Amino acid sequence: MTRITLPIVAMLLLAGCDRPKPVPAKPDAAATDAGFDNAAAPRSIMQPKVIAESPPEATAEPASPPPPERATVLFAKGSALDDAGRTALDTLLAAPGRTADTRYVLRGSSDNDGSKAANLTTSRKRANAVRDYLVEKGIAADRITVIALGDGRPAAPNVQLDGSDDPAGRARNRRVDVEIARPPAPTPEAGPSGSTNTPDSMPTAEQNIANAPRAD
């Protein structure tokens, strides 16, 4: 009986020795590749820096000049300025918006009665008559430009469709066109640069560092 029991006990002991040991769990592949375990990684107590971004500086658009004002001074005959012409110029000068930078362009014209050269000379005399009146009213001569057009820019036909004379059309062509060009309004200055969109109550990066808890 004893001889049979001993071999059985020996076999059981050998079987217990051959039992495989448990395999330890492998660490996470991502943590292994990074060289540390995320669970054991130290965490910073510092708050991230707050970087204030400045808004783009506003660029003021250049102001466009206002459209020029125009008036027409008619001449009965010759180049003398009559009372109606002076009244028209007085009304033009009394309008608001006149400054030291206002410019005046005078374009003299004539009908086609006569030679081209004579009409050109007459148109220049008419424009000069208007210029002299403006200077008399206090307009600086260097702010006035005189252009003689002769009969090259008629405002109306000089003759009818049947070839007959058109007195009304000729009267409209004996004229000086006055153009008043005003300078553009001054461009408003852009706001100061360097401003930020960070509220006053938001702590700065230096304050975040100073207020962070310290490790003992």
Foldseek 3Di string as FASTA:
>chain_A
DVVVVVVVVVVVVVVVVPDDDDDDDDADPVQVVVPHHPVPDDDDLFDDFDDFDWDDWDDFDDFDFDFKDKDKQFDDDFQARDPVRLVRVVVVVPDPDDDLQKAKEKEFEAAVPDDQVVQQVRRQSNSVNVLVSVVVVPRDSVRYHYHGDRHPDFPADQADPVGHGDVVSRRRGRIMMMIITHDGDDTDDIDDPDDTPDDPPDDGSVVSVVPGDDDD
